[in-house]
Amino acid sequence: MGPHIDKLNSQVLEAMPLEELLSVALKRLVHEVVAEVVEKARKGQMGREESLSDHKMLGKKEAAEFLGYSVSWLEKRIKKPGGPTYNVLGGRVKFPRKELLAWKNKFMVNQSSSN
């Protein structure tokens, strides 16, 4: 992958072109962040909001549980303008978890500001 910054001495760093130095620094940072996320996932320490399952598609029951409401409430919400985004896959309604989370945050803010 190329030289790591911590293994380079100051003379080498000073002689290195800026683009190469930035490339090395960026590769190291990405490597560290990925390693940290993988380690947290392995240990089960990732919070619900930063989970790797953000791209998961949820069925109606899972989506309703995620939002803290009943399936019938969710079915009514998706029929109204401004309801959560969903897709129909194989004849079944599926909700992208990431978009459901964004809608939940927006909906909760709108609900609390209207009370």
PDB file of N, CA and C in Angstrom:
ATOM      1  N   MET A   1       0.831  -1.198   0.000  1.00  0.00           N
ATOM      2  CA  MET A   1       0.000   0.000   0.000  1.00  0.00           C
ATOM      3  C   MET A   1       0.864   1.247   0.000  1.00  0.00           C
ATOM      4  N   GLY A   2       2.133   1.150   0.152  1.00  0.00           N
ATOM      5  CA  GLY A   2       2.968   2.339   0.160  1.00  0.00           C
ATOM      6  C   GLY A   2       3.414   2.662   1.559  1.00  0.00           C
ATOM      7  N   PRO A   3       4.242   3.680   1.700  1.00  0.00           N
ATOM      8  CA  PRO A   3       4.797   4.015   3.012  1.00  0.00           C
ATOM      9  C   PRO A   3       3.741   4.593   3.954  1.00  0.00           C
ATOM     10  N   HIS A   4       3.896   4.286   5.214  1.00  0.00           N
ATOM     11  CA  HIS A   4       3.037   4.864   6.245  1.00  0.00           C
ATOM     12  C   HIS A   4       3.750   6.057   6.857  1.00  0.00           C
ATOM     13  N   ILE A   5       2.996   7.053   7.255  1.00  0.00           N
ATOM     14  CA  ILE A   5       3.571   8.287   7.787  1.00  0.00           C
ATOM     15  C   ILE A   5       4.399   8.024   9.037  1.00  0.00           C
ATOM     16  N   ASP A   6       3.929   7.155   9.921  1.00  0.00           N
ATOM     17  CA  ASP A   6       4.660   6.940  11.159  1.00  0.00           C
ATOM     18  C   ASP A   6       5.996   6.237  10.927  1.00  0.00           C
ATOM     19  N   LYS A   7       6.199   5.629   9.773  1.00  0.00           N
ATOM     20  CA  LYS A   7       7.458   4.952   9.476  1.00  0.00           C
ATOM     21  C   LYS A   7       8.418   5.848   8.691  1.00  0.00           C
ATOM     22  N   LEU A   8       7.981   7.016   8.324  1.00  0.00           N
ATOM     23  CA  LEU A   8       8.813   7.916   7.537  1.00  0.00           C
ATOM     24  C   LEU A   8       9.512   8.919   8.447  1.00  0.00           C
ATOM     25  N   ASN A   9      10.760   9.218   8.127  1.00  0.00           N
ATOM     26  CA  ASN A   9      11.449  10.227   8.923  1.00  0.00           C
ATOM     27  C   ASN A   9      11.171  11.616   8.357  1.00  0.00           C
ATOM     28  N   SER A  10      11.541  12.632   9.057  1.00  0.00           N
ATOM     29  CA  SER A  10      11.202  13.998   8.668  1.00  0.00           C
ATOM     30  C   SER A  10      11.850  14.412   7.355  1.00  0.00           C
ATOM     31  N   GLN A  11      13.047  13.904   7.046  1.00  0.00           N
ATOM     32  CA  GLN A  11      13.695  14.253   5.778  1.00  0.00           C
ATOM     33  C   GLN A  11      12.901  13.712   4.589  1.00  0.00           C
ATOM     34  N   VAL A  12      12.429  12.489   4.716  1.00  0.00           N
ATOM     35  CA  VAL A  12      11.634  11.895   3.643  1.00  0.00           C
ATOM     36  C   VAL A  12      10.330  12.666   3.473  1.00  0.00           C
ATOM     37  N   LEU A  13       9.701  13.030   4.585  1.00  0.00           N
ATOM     38  CA  LEU A  13       8.447  13.788   4.514  1.00  0.00           C
ATOM     39  C   LEU A  13       8.644  15.133   3.839  1.00  0.00           C
ATOM     40  N   GLU A  14       9.738  15.826   4.161  1.00  0.00           N
ATOM     41  CA  GLU A  14      10.006  17.138   3.561  1.00  0.00           C
ATOM     42  C   GLU A  14      10.271  17.020   2.068  1.00  0.00           C
ATOM     43  N   ALA A  15      10.872  15.932   1.637  1.00  0.00           N
ATOM     44  CA  ALA A  15      11.200  15.746   0.224  1.00  0.00           C
ATOM     45  C   ALA A  15      10.009  15.227  -0.585  1.00  0.00           C
ATOM     46  N   MET A  16       8.997  14.716   0.089  1.00  0.00           N
ATOM     47  CA  MET A  16       7.854  14.115  -0.587  1.00  0.00           C
ATOM     48  C   MET A  16       6.960  15.199  -1.179  1.00  0.00           C
ATOM     49  N   PRO A  17       6.517  15.015  -2.433  1.00  0.00           N
ATOM     50  CA  PRO A  17       5.571  15.986  -3.024  1.00  0.00           C
ATOM     51  C   PRO A  17       4.272  16.012  -2.206  1.00  0.00           C
ATOM     52  N   LEU A  18       3.647  17.164  -2.171  1.00  0.00           N
ATOM     53  CA  LEU A  18       2.442  17.351  -1.359  1.00  0.00           C
ATOM     54  C   LEU A  18       1.348  16.353  -1.725  1.00  0.00           C
ATOM     55  N   GLU A  19       1.130  16.114  -3.011  1.00  0.00           N
ATOM     56  CA  GLU A  19       0.093  15.173  -3.427  1.00  0.00           C
ATOM     57  C   GLU A  19       0.348  13.780  -2.883  1.00  0.00           C
ATOM     58  N   GLU A  20       1.610  13.340  -2.918  1.00  0.00           N
ATOM     59  CA  GLU A  20       1.950  12.015  -2.410  1.00  0.00           C
ATOM     60  C   GLU A  20       1.777  11.958  -0.898  1.00  0.00           C
ATOM     61  N   LEU A  21       2.180  13.023  -0.219  1.00  0.00           N
ATOM     62  CA  LEU A  21       2.037  13.095   1.233  1.00  0.00           C
ATOM     63  C   LEU A  21       0.560  13.019   1.629  1.00  0.00           C
ATOM     64  N   LEU A  22      -0.280  13.772   0.916  1.00  0.00           N
ATOM     65  CA  LEU A  22      -1.721  13.742   1.199  1.00  0.00           C
ATOM     66  C   LEU A  22      -2.308  12.364   0.898  1.00  0.00           C
ATOM     67  N   SER A  23      -1.843  11.742  -0.172  1.00  0.00           N
ATOM     68  CA  SER A  23      -2.320  10.408  -0.512  1.00  0.00           C
ATOM     69  C   SER A  23      -1.980   9.402   0.579  1.00  0.00           C
ATOM     70  N   VAL A  24      -0.756   9.455   1.082  1.00  0.00           N
ATOM     71  CA  VAL A  24      -0.330   8.550   2.148  1.00  0.00           C
ATOM     72  C   VAL A  24      -1.157   8.798   3.408  1.00  0.00           C
ATOM     73  N   ALA A  25      -1.357  10.071   3.743  1.00  0.00           N
ATOM     74  CA  ALA A  25      -2.125  10.413   4.941  1.00  0.00           C
ATOM     75  C   ALA A  25      -3.570   9.953   4.820  1.00  0.00           C
ATOM     76  N   LEU A  26      -4.165  10.150   3.648  1.00  0.00           N
ATOM     77  CA  LEU A  26      -5.555   9.745   3.440  1.00  0.00           C
ATOM     78  C   LEU A  26      -5.705   8.231   3.513  1.00  0.00           C
ATOM     79  N   LYS A  27      -4.777   7.486   2.899  1.00  0.00           N
ATOM     80  CA  LYS A  27      -4.834   6.021   2.962  1.00  0.00           C
ATOM     81  C   LYS A  27      -4.741   5.536   4.402  1.00  0.00           C
ATOM     82  N   ARG A  28      -3.881   6.160   5.160  1.00  0.00           N
ATOM     83  CA  ARG A  28      -3.729   5.757   6.559  1.00  0.00           C
ATOM     84  C   ARG A  28      -5.011   6.039   7.350  1.00  0.00           C
ATOM     85  N   LEU A  29      -5.573   7.215   7.142  1.00  0.00           N
ATOM     86  CA  LEU A  29      -6.793   7.583   7.848  1.00  0.00           C
ATOM     87  C   LEU A  29      -7.938   6.626   7.502  1.00  0.00           C
ATOM     88  N   VAL A  30      -8.110   6.338   6.218  1.00  0.00           N
ATOM     89  CA  VAL A  30      -9.170   5.416   5.796  1.00  0.00           C
ATOM     90  C   VAL A  30      -8.944   4.044   6.416  1.00  0.00           C
ATOM     91  N   HIS A  31      -7.718   3.578   6.382  1.00  0.00           N
ATOM     92  CA  HIS A  31      -7.388   2.278   6.968  1.00  0.00           C
ATOM     93  C   HIS A  31      -7.743   2.249   8.460  1.00  0.00           C
ATOM     94  N   GLU A  32      -7.402   3.303   9.185  1.00  0.00           N
ATOM     95  CA  GLU A  32      -7.690   3.355  10.623  1.00  0.00           C
ATOM     96  C   GLU A  32      -9.186   3.378  10.899  1.00  0.00           C
ATOM     97  N   VAL A  33      -9.928   4.164  10.124  1.00  0.00           N
ATOM     98  CA  VAL A  33     -11.373   4.268  10.331  1.00  0.00           C
ATOM     99  C   VAL A  33     -12.050   2.940  10.022  1.00  0.00           C
ATOM    100  N   VAL A  34     -11.680   2.317   8.917  1.00  0.00           N
ATOM    101  CA  VAL A  34     -12.266   1.025   8.563  1.00  0.00           C
ATOM    102  C   VAL A  34     -11.949  -0.011   9.626  1.00  0.00           C
ATOM    103  N   ALA A  35     -10.710  -0.039  10.086  1.00  0.00           N
ATOM    104  CA  ALA A  35     -10.318  -0.993  11.124  1.00  0.00           C
ATOM    105  C   ALA A  35     -11.138  -0.771  12.397  1.00  0.00           C
ATOM    106  N   GLU A  36     -11.371   0.478  12.756  1.00  0.00           N
ATOM    107  CA  GLU A  36     -12.156   0.788  13.963  1.00  0.00           C
ATOM    108  C   GLU A  36     -13.613   0.343  13.806  1.00  0.00           C
ATOM    109  N   VAL A  37     -14.218   0.606  12.648  1.00  0.00           N
ATOM    110  CA  VAL A  37     -15.603   0.217  12.407  1.00  0.00           C
ATOM    111  C   VAL A  37     -15.738  -1.305  12.426  1.00  0.00           C
ATOM    112  N   VAL A  38     -14.807  -1.993  11.779  1.00  0.00           N
ATOM    113  CA  VAL A  38     -14.846  -3.458  11.759  1.00  0.00           C
ATOM    114  C   VAL A  38     -14.702  -4.008  13.171  1.00  0.00           C
ATOM    115  N   GLU A  39     -13.806  -3.439  13.947  1.00  0.00           N
ATOM    116  CA  GLU A  39     -13.602  -3.903  15.322  1.00  0.00           C
ATOM    117  C   GLU A  39     -14.849  -3.663  16.174  1.00  0.00           C
ATOM    118  N   LYS A  40     -15.470  -2.487  16.026  1.00  0.00           N
ATOM    119  CA  LYS A  40     -16.698  -2.200  16.774  1.00  0.00           C
ATOM    120  C   LYS A  40     -17.814  -3.162  16.370  1.00  0.00           C
ATOM    121  N   ALA A  41     -17.919  -3.423  15.075  1.00  0.00           N
ATOM    122  CA  ALA A  41     -18.952  -4.336  14.595  1.00  0.00           C
ATOM    123  C   ALA A  41     -18.705  -5.741  15.139  1.00  0.00           C
ATOM    124  N   ARG A  42     -17.449  -6.151  15.153  1.00  0.00           N
ATOM    125  CA  ARG A  42     -17.099  -7.476  15.652  1.00  0.00           C
ATOM    126  C   ARG A  42     -17.456  -7.609  17.133  1.00  0.00           C
ATOM    127  N   LYS A  43     -17.266  -6.529  17.885  1.00  0.00           N
ATOM    128  CA  LYS A  43     -17.537  -6.564  19.319  1.00  0.00           C
ATOM    129  C   LYS A  43     -18.991  -6.228  19.638  1.00  0.00           C
ATOM    130  N   GLY A  44     -19.764  -5.865  18.618  1.00  0.00           N
ATOM    131  CA  GLY A  44     -21.164  -5.513  18.842  1.00  0.00           C
ATOM    132  C   GLY A  44     -21.334  -4.179  19.537  1.00  0.00           C
ATOM    133  N   GLN A  45     -20.371  -3.262  19.343  1.00  0.00           N
ATOM    134  CA  GLN A  45     -20.414  -1.984  20.040  1.00  0.00           C
ATOM    135  C   GLN A  45     -20.969  -0.846  19.189  1.00  0.00           C
ATOM    136  N   MET A  46     -21.357  -1.116  17.974  1.00  0.00           N
ATOM    137  CA  MET A  46     -21.862  -0.035  17.129  1.00  0.00           C
ATOM    138  C   MET A  46     -23.253   0.358  17.584  1.00  0.00           C
ATOM    139  N   GLY A  47     -23.500   1.644  17.639  1.00  0.00           N
ATOM    140  CA  GLY A  47     -24.820   2.133  18.000  1.00  0.00           C
ATOM    141  C   GLY A  47     -25.806   1.861  16.882  1.00  0.00           C
ATOM    142  N   ARG A  48     -27.056   1.914  17.208  1.00  0.00           N
ATOM    143  CA  ARG A  48     -28.096   1.642  16.214  1.00  0.00           C
ATOM    144  C   ARG A  48     -28.013   2.600  15.033  1.00  0.00           C
ATOM    145  N   GLU A  49     -27.655   3.853  15.295  1.00  0.00           N
ATOM    146  CA  GLU A  49     -27.631   4.859  14.242  1.00  0.00           C
ATOM    147  C   GLU A  49     -26.454   4.697  13.295  1.00  0.00           C
ATOM    148  N   GLU A  50     -25.355   4.087  13.734  1.00  0.00           N
ATOM    149  CA  GLU A  50     -24.187   3.972  12.869  1.00  0.00           C
ATOM    150  C   GLU A  50     -23.971   2.541  12.373  1.00  0.00           C
ATOM    151  N   SER A  51     -24.987   1.740  12.470  1.00  0.00           N
ATOM    152  CA  SER A  51     -24.887   0.332  12.093  1.00  0.00           C
ATOM    153  C   SER A  51     -24.618   0.157  10.608  1.00  0.00           C
ATOM    154  N   LEU A  52     -23.950  -0.941  10.278  1.00  0.00           N
ATOM    155  CA  LEU A  52     -23.691  -1.270   8.883  1.00  0.00           C
ATOM    156  C   LEU A  52     -24.968  -1.683   8.169  1.00  0.00           C
ATOM    157  N   SER A  53     -26.067  -1.863   8.889  1.00  0.00           N
ATOM    158  CA  SER A  53     -27.325  -2.297   8.288  1.00  0.00           C
ATOM    159  C   SER A  53     -28.182  -1.136   7.807  1.00  0.00           C
ATOM    160  N   ASP A  54     -27.605   0.069   7.675  1.00  0.00           N
ATOM    161  CA  ASP A  54     -28.386   1.214   7.218  1.00  0.00           C
ATOM    162  C   ASP A  54     -29.009   0.995   5.837  1.00  0.00           C
ATOM    163  N   HIS A  55     -28.413   0.144   5.034  1.00  0.00           N
ATOM    164  CA  HIS A  55     -28.926  -0.084   3.687  1.00  0.00           C
ATOM    165  C   HIS A  55     -29.904  -1.247   3.632  1.00  0.00           C
ATOM    166  N   LYS A  56     -30.219  -1.806   4.761  1.00  0.00           N
ATOM    167  CA  LYS A  56     -31.147  -2.929   4.839  1.00  0.00           C
ATOM    168  C   LYS A  56     -32.563  -2.456   4.491  1.00  0.00           C
ATOM    169  N   MET A  57     -33.309  -3.343   3.838  1.00  0.00           N
ATOM    170  CA  MET A  57     -34.704  -3.063   3.517  1.00  0.00           C
ATOM    171  C   MET A  57     -35.571  -3.719   4.585  1.00  0.00           C
ATOM    172  N   LEU A  58     -36.500  -2.963   5.145  1.00  0.00           N
ATOM    173  CA  LEU A  58     -37.375  -3.468   6.205  1.00  0.00           C
ATOM    174  C   LEU A  58     -38.780  -3.707   5.662  1.00  0.00           C
ATOM    175  N   GLY A  59     -39.390  -4.793   6.111  1.00  0.00           N
ATOM    176  CA  GLY A  59     -40.789  -5.053   5.793  1.00  0.00           C
ATOM    177  C   GLY A  59     -41.676  -4.156   6.655  1.00  0.00           C
ATOM    178  N   LYS A  60     -42.983  -4.236   6.441  1.00  0.00           N
ATOM    179  CA  LYS A  60     -43.914  -3.372   7.191  1.00  0.00           C
ATOM    180  C   LYS A  60     -43.796  -3.579   8.700  1.00  0.00           C
ATOM    181  N   LYS A  61     -43.767  -4.836   9.127  1.00  0.00           N
ATOM    182  CA  LYS A  61     -43.717  -5.111  10.562  1.00  0.00           C
ATOM    183  C   LYS A  61     -42.414  -4.588  11.171  1.00  0.00           C
ATOM    184  N   GLU A  62     -41.285  -4.857  10.508  1.00  0.00           N
ATOM    185  CA  GLU A  62     -39.996  -4.370  11.015  1.00  0.00           C
ATOM    186  C   GLU A  62     -39.948  -2.845  11.036  1.00  0.00           C
ATOM    187  N   ALA A  63     -40.471  -2.234   9.972  1.00  0.00           N
ATOM    188  CA  ALA A  63     -40.469  -0.772   9.887  1.00  0.00           C
ATOM    189  C   ALA A  63     -41.332  -0.165  10.991  1.00  0.00           C
ATOM    190  N   ALA A  64     -42.495  -0.743  11.220  1.00  0.00           N
ATOM    191  CA  ALA A  64     -43.378  -0.247  12.278  1.00  0.00           C
ATOM    192  C   ALA A  64     -42.697  -0.365  13.644  1.00  0.00           C
ATOM    193  N   GLU A  65     -42.052  -1.501  13.898  1.00  0.00           N
ATOM    194  CA  GLU A  65     -41.335  -1.684  15.166  1.00  0.00           C
ATOM    195  C   GLU A  65     -40.198  -0.676  15.292  1.00  0.00           C
ATOM    196  N   PHE A  66     -39.469  -0.458  14.202  1.00  0.00           N
ATOM    197  CA  PHE A  66     -38.362   0.495  14.194  1.00  0.00           C
ATOM    198  C   PHE A  66     -38.858   1.901  14.548  1.00  0.00           C
ATOM    199  N   LEU A  67     -40.036   2.260  14.022  1.00  0.00           N
ATOM    200  CA  LEU A  67     -40.601   3.590  14.285  1.00  0.00           C
ATOM    201  C   LEU A  67     -41.304   3.675  15.638  1.00  0.00           C
ATOM    202  N   GLY A  68     -41.661   2.519  16.201  1.00  0.00           N
ATOM    203  CA  GLY A  68     -42.355   2.510  17.484  1.00  0.00           C
ATOM    204  C   GLY A  68     -43.857   2.662  17.352  1.00  0.00           C
ATOM    205  N   TYR A  69     -44.397   2.272  16.202  1.00  0.00           N
ATOM    206  CA  TYR A  69     -45.828   2.373  15.953  1.00  0.00           C
ATOM    207  C   TYR A  69     -46.351   1.039  15.452  1.00  0.00           C
ATOM    208  N   SER A  70     -47.671   0.952  15.274  1.00  0.00           N
ATOM    209  CA  SER A  70     -48.282  -0.275  14.775  1.00  0.00           C
ATOM    210  C   SER A  70     -48.197  -0.333  13.248  1.00  0.00           C
ATOM    211  N   VAL A  71     -48.408  -1.530  12.712  1.00  0.00           N
ATOM    212  CA  VAL A  71     -48.406  -1.714  11.266  1.00  0.00           C
ATOM    213  C   VAL A  71     -49.543  -0.907  10.634  1.00  0.00           C
ATOM    214  N   SER A  72     -50.701  -0.887  11.285  1.00  0.00           N
ATOM    215  CA  SER A  72     -51.835  -0.133  10.718  1.00  0.00           C
ATOM    216  C   SER A  72     -51.538   1.367  10.677  1.00  0.00           C
ATOM    217  N   TRP A  73     -50.853   1.887  11.694  1.00  0.00           N
ATOM    218  CA  TRP A  73     -50.458   3.303  11.680  1.00  0.00           C
ATOM    219  C   TRP A  73     -49.529   3.563  10.499  1.00  0.00           C
ATOM    220  N   LEU A  74     -48.572   2.671  10.295  1.00  0.00           N
ATOM    221  CA  LEU A  74     -47.623   2.827   9.194  1.00  0.00           C
ATOM    222  C   LEU A  74     -48.335   2.765   7.842  1.00  0.00           C
ATOM    223  N   GLU A  75     -49.275   1.839   7.692  1.00  0.00           N
ATOM    224  CA  GLU A  75     -50.019   1.733   6.442  1.00  0.00           C
ATOM    225  C   GLU A  75     -50.792   3.015   6.144  1.00  0.00           C
ATOM    226  N   LYS A  76     -51.333   3.645   7.174  1.00  0.00           N
ATOM    227  CA  LYS A  76     -52.043   4.921   6.981  1.00  0.00           C
ATOM    228  C   LYS A  76     -51.062   6.027   6.588  1.00  0.00           C
ATOM    229  N   ARG A  77     -49.885   6.049   7.211  1.00  0.00           N
ATOM    230  CA  ARG A  77     -48.888   7.090   6.933  1.00  0.00           C
ATOM    231  C   ARG A  77     -48.371   7.023   5.503  1.00  0.00           C
ATOM    232  N   ILE A  78     -48.185   5.822   4.959  1.00  0.00           N
ATOM    233  CA  ILE A  78     -47.628   5.725   3.608  1.00  0.00           C
ATOM    234  C   ILE A  78     -48.633   6.145   2.539  1.00  0.00           C
ATOM    235  N   LYS A  79     -49.902   6.212   2.914  1.00  0.00           N
ATOM    236  CA  LYS A  79     -50.930   6.651   1.965  1.00  0.00           C
ATOM    237  C   LYS A  79     -51.055   8.167   1.940  1.00  0.00           C
ATOM    238  N   LYS A  80     -50.487   8.830   2.935  1.00  0.00           N
ATOM    239  CA  LYS A  80     -50.580  10.289   3.037  1.00  0.00           C
ATOM    240  C   LYS A  80     -49.334  10.938   2.433  1.00  0.00           C
ATOM    241  N   PRO A  81     -49.501  12.167   1.904  1.00  0.00           N
ATOM    242  CA  PRO A  81     -48.319  12.895   1.424  1.00  0.00           C
ATOM    243  C   PRO A  81     -47.333  13.131   2.579  1.00  0.00           C
ATOM    244  N   GLY A  82     -46.068  13.031   2.277  1.00  0.00           N
ATOM    245  CA  GLY A  82     -45.058  13.249   3.312  1.00  0.00           C
ATOM    246  C   GLY A  82     -44.762  12.023   4.149  1.00  0.00           C
ATOM    247  N   GLY A  83     -45.356  10.887   3.778  1.00  0.00           N
ATOM    248  CA  GLY A  83     -45.091   9.650   4.504  1.00  0.00           C
ATOM    249  C   GLY A  83     -43.712   9.112   4.173  1.00  0.00           C
ATOM    250  N   PRO A  84     -43.314   8.049   4.835  1.00  0.00           N
ATOM    251  CA  PRO A  84     -41.975   7.503   4.595  1.00  0.00           C
ATOM    252  C   PRO A  84     -41.845   6.911   3.185  1.00  0.00           C
ATOM    253  N   THR A  85     -40.640   7.000   2.638  1.00  0.00           N
ATOM    254  CA  THR A  85     -40.341   6.439   1.324  1.00  0.00           C
ATOM    255  C   THR A  85     -40.348   4.920   1.402  1.00  0.00           C
ATOM    256  N   TYR A  86     -40.933   4.290   0.391  1.00  0.00           N
ATOM    257  CA  TYR A  86     -40.937   2.830   0.348  1.00  0.00           C
ATOM    258  C   TYR A  86     -40.816   2.376  -1.096  1.00  0.00           C
ATOM    259  N   ASN A  87     -40.470   1.113  -1.270  1.00  0.00           N
ATOM    260  CA  ASN A  87     -40.388   0.482  -2.585  1.00  0.00           C
ATOM    261  C   ASN A  87     -41.262  -0.757  -2.557  1.00  0.00           C
ATOM    262  N   VAL A  88     -41.732  -1.164  -3.723  1.00  0.00           N
ATOM    263  CA  VAL A  88     -42.465  -2.419  -3.833  1.00  0.00           C
ATOM    264  C   VAL A  88     -41.537  -3.405  -4.535  1.00  0.00           C
ATOM    265  N   LEU A  89     -41.141  -4.422  -3.800  1.00  0.00           N
ATOM    266  CA  LEU A  89     -40.229  -5.445  -4.323  1.00  0.00           C
ATOM    267  C   LEU A  89     -40.923  -6.797  -4.257  1.00  0.00           C
ATOM    268  N   GLY A  90     -41.133  -7.413  -5.393  1.00  0.00           N
ATOM    269  CA  GLY A  90     -41.811  -8.704  -5.423  1.00  0.00           C
ATOM    270  C   GLY A  90     -43.219  -8.637  -4.863  1.00  0.00           C
ATOM    271  N   GLY A  91     -43.888  -7.512  -5.057  1.00  0.00           N
ATOM    272  CA  GLY A  91     -45.250  -7.345  -4.560  1.00  0.00           C
ATOM    273  C   GLY A  91     -45.336  -6.993  -3.080  1.00  0.00           C
ATOM    274  N   ARG A  92     -44.191  -6.809  -2.429  1.00  0.00           N
ATOM    275  CA  ARG A  92     -44.183  -6.471  -0.999  1.00  0.00           C
ATOM    276  C   ARG A  92     -43.608  -5.074  -0.779  1.00  0.00           C
ATOM    277  N   VAL A  93     -44.181  -4.365   0.163  1.00  0.00           N
ATOM    278  CA  VAL A  93     -43.703  -3.036   0.509  1.00  0.00           C
ATOM    279  C   VAL A  93     -42.448  -3.174   1.373  1.00  0.00           C
ATOM    280  N   LYS A  94     -41.376  -2.489   0.953  1.00  0.00           N
ATOM    281  CA  LYS A  94     -40.112  -2.507   1.686  1.00  0.00           C
ATOM    282  C   LYS A  94     -39.644  -1.072   1.907  1.00  0.00           C
ATOM    283  N   PHE A  95     -39.087  -0.836   3.077  1.00  0.00           N
ATOM    284  CA  PHE A  95     -38.618   0.487   3.448  1.00  0.00           C
ATOM    285  C   PHE A  95     -37.092   0.473   3.572  1.00  0.00           C
ATOM    286  N   PRO A  96     -36.389   1.360   2.849  1.00  0.00           N
ATOM    287  CA  PRO A  96     -34.944   1.467   3.061  1.00  0.00           C
ATOM    288  C   PRO A  96     -34.704   2.006   4.472  1.00  0.00           C
ATOM    289  N   ARG A  97     -33.982   1.261   5.292  1.00  0.00           N
ATOM    290  CA  ARG A  97     -33.787   1.621   6.693  1.00  0.00           C
ATOM    291  C   ARG A  97     -33.210   3.023   6.848  1.00  0.00           C
ATOM    292  N   LYS A  98     -32.233   3.349   6.013  1.00  0.00           N
ATOM    293  CA  LYS A  98     -31.583   4.656   6.112  1.00  0.00           C
ATOM    294  C   LYS A  98     -32.587   5.791   5.864  1.00  0.00           C
ATOM    295  N   GLU A  99     -33.426   5.633   4.847  1.00  0.00           N
ATOM    296  CA  GLU A  99     -34.429   6.655   4.547  1.00  0.00           C
ATOM    297  C   GLU A  99     -35.522   6.686   5.609  1.00  0.00           C
ATOM    298  N   LEU A 100     -35.845   5.532   6.170  1.00  0.00           N
ATOM    299  CA  LEU A 100     -36.834   5.462   7.241  1.00  0.00           C
ATOM    300  C   LEU A 100     -36.333   6.211   8.471  1.00  0.00           C
ATOM    301  N   LEU A 101     -35.048   6.059   8.760  1.00  0.00           N
ATOM    302  CA  LEU A 101     -34.442   6.782   9.887  1.00  0.00           C
ATOM    303  C   LEU A 101     -34.496   8.285   9.657  1.00  0.00           C
ATOM    304  N   ALA A 102     -34.166   8.722   8.440  1.00  0.00           N
ATOM    305  CA  ALA A 102     -34.219  10.154   8.112  1.00  0.00           C
ATOM    306  C   ALA A 102     -35.649  10.676   8.240  1.00  0.00           C
ATOM    307  N   TRP A 103     -36.620   9.895   7.741  1.00  0.00           N
ATOM    308  CA  TRP A 103     -38.022  10.304   7.849  1.00  0.00           C
ATOM    309  C   TRP A 103     -38.444  10.359   9.313  1.00  0.00           C
ATOM    310  N   LYS A 104     -38.034   9.369  10.092  1.00  0.00           N
ATOM    311  CA  LYS A 104     -38.382   9.318  11.517  1.00  0.00           C
ATOM    312  C   LYS A 104     -37.870  10.571  12.228  1.00  0.00           C
ATOM    313  N   ASN A 105     -36.629  10.930  11.959  1.00  0.00           N
ATOM    314  CA  ASN A 105     -36.056  12.122  12.594  1.00  0.00           C
ATOM    315  C   ASN A 105     -36.808  13.384  12.180  1.00  0.00           C
ATOM    316  N   LYS A 106     -37.137  13.495  10.913  1.00  0.00           N
ATOM    317  CA  LYS A 106     -37.887  14.655  10.412  1.00  0.00           C
ATOM    318  C   LYS A 106     -39.299  14.668  10.980  1.00  0.00           C
ATOM    319  N   PHE A 107     -39.964  13.517  10.969  1.00  0.00           N
ATOM    320  CA  PHE A 107     -41.339  13.400  11.468  1.00  0.00           C
ATOM    321  C   PHE A 107     -41.399  13.743  12.943  1.00  0.00           C
ATOM    322  N   MET A 108     -40.456  13.240  13.721  1.00  0.00           N
ATOM    323  CA  MET A 108     -40.460  13.501  15.161  1.00  0.00           C
ATOM    324  C   MET A 108     -40.239  14.982  15.456  1.00  0.00           C
ATOM    325  N   VAL A 109     -39.384  15.643  14.667  1.00  0.00           N
ATOM    326  CA  VAL A 109     -39.155  17.080  14.838  1.00  0.00           C
ATOM    327  C   VAL A 109     -40.418  17.830  14.501  1.00  0.00           C
ATOM    328  N   ASN A 110     -41.083  17.466  13.384  1.00  0.00           N
ATOM    329  CA  ASN A 110     -42.325  18.137  12.990  1.00  0.00           C
ATOM    330  C   ASN A 110     -43.432  17.910  14.008  1.00  0.00           C
ATOM    331  N   GLN A 111     -43.527  16.707  14.551  1.00  0.00           N
ATOM    332  CA  GLN A 111     -44.543  16.397  15.553  1.00  0.00           C
ATOM    333  C   GLN A 111     -44.314  17.212  16.821  1.00  0.00           C
ATOM    334  N   SER A 112     -43.064  17.309  17.272  1.00  0.00           N
ATOM    335  CA  SER A 112     -42.801  18.029  18.517  1.00  0.00           C
ATOM    336  C   SER A 112     -42.958  19.537  18.348  1.00  0.00           C
ATOM    337  N   SER A 113     -42.702  20.060  17.137  1.00  0.00           N
ATOM    338  CA  SER A 113     -42.837  21.494  16.930  1.00  0.00           C
ATOM    339  C   SER A 113     -44.284  21.908  16.730  1.00  0.00           C
ATOM    340  N   SER A 114     -45.150  20.935  16.357  1.00  0.00           N
ATOM    341  CA  SER A 114     -46.565  21.276  16.165  1.00  0.00           C
ATOM    342  C   SER A 114     -47.365  21.160  17.449  1.00  0.00           C
ATOM    343  N   ASN A 115     -46.736  20.593  18.502  1.00  0.00           N
ATOM    344  CA  ASN A 115     -47.447  20.462  19.793  1.00  0.00           C
ATOM    345  C   ASN A 115     -47.202  21.649  20.674  1.00  0.00           C
TER     346      ASN A 115
END
